[in-house]
Every structure is written in structure tokens, then in C-alpha cells.
Amino acid sequence: MDKQSSYMKLTLMVLLIGLLAACNSGNEAESKNISVEKEFDEYRENVLEPLDERSFKFAEMFNHSASIIDQPEEAHRYLKEEVIPFMEETKKIASEARDGLVNEEIRELNETTIKYVDLNLASLHKTTELSALELESVTEETYHKAEKLNEENMELQEKIDQTGAEMDRQIDELSGEQ
């Protein structure tokens, strides 16, 4: 179990870093003729800032999950019942903005944001699967499953980092247009 616990701790830490590094997104435009600058300001206020605030709550959740890592049943329950639903709510913020967006640049940022949150959700699901393995007896099979899940999660983390960097680039570009 020590290797599985180490994988889980590492996975949770990488997930937190990724989420804190780039929680940003957007919301509805008032009219079809809204400027990119005005729509970006609205997007920042209605999507990016709420996502940024949620990243702090996620950090608290991460710290709590790290504090209960030695309680596998509670850690698994917490991830499944608290953390994942929280991230699903986070995704709604960006997803609900999609239909009202007018300018292509803001729509692209929104899609990148949704992709970023989706990747984080996928990583959380892998972490939850890994935590479920900690509830089982350690066998060679569970150890190999844990290794595989960890590898998949590390691949997801690379995609999260790339998507976060793309999101930052888009935000910087839009901020420069103002």
C-alpha cells in the first residue's frame, strides 16, 4: 500500500498545482455587436474570476484530502462525493457561458477552459479509482493497476499543463487587446 499511497499523494499534488496554475474562463455577451474587449471583460468577471475563486476552495479540499490519505475509505469517499461534484459544478460555470458568447476569440478561450476542466475531472476520476484500489488487499494485480492508473494520470497531467498554458496564452493575448 505504501507505493499506492505515494502515487495518490503525488497525483493529488500534481492536480492541485495544475488547477491553481490556470483556473480561467468566460460568460454571456449582451448583444451580437459586442466588442472583443467588452465581452472579455464580462467573461473575466462572470467566468474567469469565479473559477479563480473556486481554485482556492479546491486547494482547501486538496489539503483536506491529503490530511486523510491514511484513511483510505474516507479519502475515497471524499474524492467521490465532495471533490468530483465540486469540479463538475466548476465546469458548469464555463459550459453555461458557451451559448451567449459572440466573438470567436472568447468562444475559443471558453472551449479551452472547458477542455481544461474536463481534463482535471478525468484526472480526479483516475485518482478516485486509485483510491479505491487502496481499499483492496495488495496483490500484484492491484499494484499493476495502480501503476497503470498513475501512468494514465501523469499523461493527463501533461495535457492539463499544455491546455493551461494555451489558456494562459489566450488570456494574455486578449488582455493585450484592451
Protein backbone atom coordinates (compact mmCIF):
# COMPACT_ATOMS: atom_id res chain seq x y z
CA MET A 1 0.00 0.00 0.00
CA ASP A 2 2.91 2.38 0.54
CA LYS A 3 3.54 2.68 -3.20
CA GLN A 4 -0.17 3.20 -3.91
CA SER A 5 -0.36 5.89 -1.19
CA SER A 6 2.69 7.59 -2.68
CA TYR A 7 1.08 7.53 -6.13
CA MET A 8 -2.11 9.01 -4.72
CA LYS A 9 -0.27 11.77 -2.85
CA LEU A 10 1.74 12.64 -5.95
CA THR A 11 -1.36 12.61 -8.13
CA LEU A 12 -3.28 14.89 -5.78
CA MET A 13 -0.36 17.29 -5.53
CA VAL A 14 0.08 17.50 -9.31
CA LEU A 15 -3.66 18.00 -9.75
CA LEU A 16 -3.70 20.89 -7.28
CA ILE A 17 -0.76 22.58 -8.94
CA GLY A 18 -2.39 22.25 -12.34
CA LEU A 19 -5.71 23.63 -11.17
CA LEU A 20 -4.20 26.56 -9.32
CA ALA A 21 -1.97 27.38 -12.26
CA ALA A 22 -4.75 28.11 -14.73
CA CYS A 23 -8.35 28.35 -13.49
CA ASN A 24 -9.87 30.76 -16.01
CA SER A 25 -12.97 31.06 -18.38
CA GLY A 26 -15.99 33.41 -19.63
CA ASN A 27 -19.81 34.36 -19.81
CA GLU A 28 -22.66 35.75 -21.96
CA ALA A 29 -22.39 38.77 -24.21
CA GLU A 30 -25.15 41.38 -24.13
CA SER A 31 -25.55 41.82 -27.87
CA LYS A 32 -24.37 40.42 -31.17
CA ASN A 33 -22.25 43.53 -31.80
CA ILE A 34 -20.26 43.48 -28.57
CA SER A 35 -16.57 44.26 -28.89
CA VAL A 36 -13.99 41.63 -28.03
CA GLU A 37 -12.71 43.87 -25.25
CA LYS A 38 -16.12 44.31 -23.62
CA GLU A 39 -17.02 40.65 -23.98
CA PHE A 40 -13.67 39.65 -22.49
CA ASP A 41 -14.26 41.97 -19.53
CA GLU A 42 -17.66 40.34 -18.97
CA TYR A 43 -16.16 36.90 -19.43
CA ARG A 44 -13.41 37.67 -16.95
CA GLU A 45 -15.94 38.91 -14.39
CA ASN A 46 -18.53 36.16 -14.88
CA VAL A 47 -16.35 33.14 -15.58
CA LEU A 48 -12.63 33.64 -15.00
CA GLU A 49 -12.93 35.30 -11.61
CA PRO A 50 -15.45 32.75 -10.23
CA LEU A 51 -13.21 29.91 -11.46
CA ASP A 52 -10.22 31.57 -9.85
CA GLU A 53 -12.13 31.80 -6.55
CA ARG A 54 -13.09 28.15 -6.85
CA SER A 55 -9.43 27.22 -7.23
CA PHE A 56 -8.88 28.41 -3.65
CA LYS A 57 -11.73 26.21 -2.43
CA PHE A 58 -10.21 23.34 -4.39
CA ALA A 59 -6.89 23.98 -2.63
CA GLU A 60 -8.67 23.64 0.72
CA MET A 61 -10.29 20.42 -0.48
CA PHE A 62 -6.90 19.14 -1.63
CA ASN A 63 -5.36 19.90 1.74
CA HIS A 64 -8.17 18.04 3.46
CA SER A 65 -7.82 15.03 1.17
CA ALA A 66 -4.08 15.00 1.81
CA SER A 67 -4.74 15.07 5.56
CA ILE A 68 -6.93 11.96 5.36
CA ILE A 69 -4.77 9.98 2.95
CA ASP A 70 -4.01 7.49 5.71
CA GLN A 71 -7.76 6.80 5.95
CA PRO A 72 -8.37 5.17 2.55
CA GLU A 73 -12.13 4.75 2.91
CA GLU A 74 -12.66 8.36 3.96
CA ALA A 75 -10.25 9.64 1.30
CA HIS A 76 -12.08 7.68 -1.40
CA ARG A 77 -15.48 8.87 -0.18
CA TYR A 78 -14.30 12.48 0.00
CA LEU A 79 -12.93 12.44 -3.55
CA LYS A 80 -16.03 10.75 -4.94
CA GLU A 81 -18.70 12.65 -3.01
CA GLU A 82 -17.12 16.06 -2.46
CA VAL A 83 -14.25 16.86 -4.80
CA ILE A 84 -15.61 15.47 -8.08
CA PRO A 85 -19.06 17.08 -7.68
CA PHE A 86 -17.31 20.37 -6.85
CA MET A 87 -15.32 20.16 -10.09
CA GLU A 88 -18.45 19.25 -12.05
CA GLU A 89 -20.07 22.42 -10.69
CA THR A 90 -16.96 24.31 -11.71
CA LYS A 91 -17.34 23.03 -15.26
CA LYS A 92 -20.91 24.33 -15.37
CA ILE A 93 -19.65 27.89 -14.96
CA ALA A 94 -17.72 27.69 -18.24
CA SER A 95 -20.25 25.47 -20.03
CA GLU A 96 -23.19 27.77 -19.29
CA ALA A 97 -21.30 30.71 -20.79
CA ARG A 98 -20.87 28.94 -24.14
CA ASP A 99 -24.20 29.81 -25.77
CA GLY A 100 -24.04 33.55 -25.08
CA LEU A 101 -20.56 34.15 -26.44
CA VAL A 102 -20.33 36.21 -29.62
CA ASN A 103 -16.70 36.77 -30.50
CA GLU A 104 -14.61 33.90 -31.83
CA GLU A 105 -11.65 34.68 -29.56
CA ILE A 106 -13.81 34.43 -26.45
CA ARG A 107 -15.53 31.27 -27.69
CA GLU A 108 -12.11 29.68 -28.27
CA LEU A 109 -10.98 30.65 -24.76
CA ASN A 110 -14.17 29.17 -23.36
CA GLU A 111 -13.64 25.89 -25.22
CA THR A 112 -10.06 25.74 -23.93
CA THR A 113 -11.35 26.38 -20.42
CA ILE A 114 -13.93 23.61 -20.70
CA LYS A 115 -11.26 21.25 -22.03
CA TYR A 116 -9.01 22.20 -19.10
CA VAL A 117 -11.72 21.45 -16.54
CA ASP A 118 -12.65 18.20 -18.35
CA LEU A 119 -9.04 17.04 -18.17
CA ASN A 120 -8.92 17.85 -14.47
CA LEU A 121 -12.14 15.90 -13.96
CA ALA A 122 -10.67 12.92 -15.82
CA SER A 123 -7.62 13.11 -13.59
CA LEU A 124 -9.80 13.23 -10.47
CA HIS A 125 -11.67 10.15 -11.68
CA LYS A 126 -8.34 8.32 -12.12
CA THR A 127 -7.32 9.43 -8.64
CA THR A 128 -10.61 8.12 -7.27
CA GLU A 129 -10.00 4.78 -9.00
CA LEU A 130 -6.56 4.73 -7.44
CA SER A 131 -8.00 5.46 -4.01
CA ALA A 132 -10.48 2.59 -4.48
CA LEU A 133 -7.54 0.25 -5.00
CA GLU A 134 -6.24 1.23 -1.59
CA LEU A 135 -9.38 -0.33 -0.12
CA GLU A 136 -8.41 -3.70 -1.59
CA SER A 137 -5.76 -6.10 -0.42
CA VAL A 138 -2.42 -5.50 -2.03
CA THR A 139 -1.77 -8.02 -4.75
CA GLU A 140 0.41 -7.96 -7.79
CA GLU A 141 -2.72 -7.23 -9.84
CA THR A 142 -3.77 -4.23 -7.73
CA TYR A 143 -0.20 -2.95 -7.75
CA HIS A 144 -0.10 -3.11 -11.58
CA LYS A 145 -3.50 -1.43 -11.79
CA ALA A 146 -2.21 1.34 -9.54
CA GLU A 147 0.90 1.74 -11.71
CA LYS A 148 -1.24 1.92 -14.85
CA LEU A 149 -3.65 4.44 -13.33
CA ASN A 150 -0.72 6.56 -12.19
CA GLU A 151 0.82 6.49 -15.67
CA GLU A 152 -2.51 7.48 -17.23
CA ASN A 153 -2.86 10.26 -14.69
CA MET A 154 0.63 11.55 -15.45
CA GLU A 155 -0.31 11.67 -19.15
CA LEU A 156 -3.44 13.59 -18.23
CA GLN A 157 -1.30 15.99 -16.18
CA GLU A 158 0.83 16.71 -19.25
CA LYS A 159 -2.33 17.52 -21.21
CA ILE A 160 -3.60 19.65 -18.32
CA ASP A 161 -0.32 21.59 -18.31
CA GLN A 162 -0.45 22.11 -22.08
CA THR A 163 -4.09 23.18 -22.01
CA GLY A 164 -3.44 25.50 -19.07
CA ALA A 165 -0.55 27.09 -20.97
CA GLU A 166 -2.79 27.55 -24.02
CA MET A 167 -5.48 29.11 -21.84
CA ASP A 168 -2.91 31.49 -20.32
CA ARG A 169 -1.70 32.43 -23.80
CA GLN A 170 -5.25 33.18 -24.93
CA ILE A 171 -5.93 35.28 -21.84
CA ASP A 172 -2.66 37.19 -22.26
CA GLU A 173 -3.49 37.83 -25.91
CA LEU A 174 -6.99 39.08 -25.05
CA SER A 175 -5.66 41.19 -22.18
CA GLY A 176 -3.21 42.79 -24.58
CA GLU A 177 -6.03 43.80 -26.95
CA GLN A 178 -7.58 46.05 -24.31
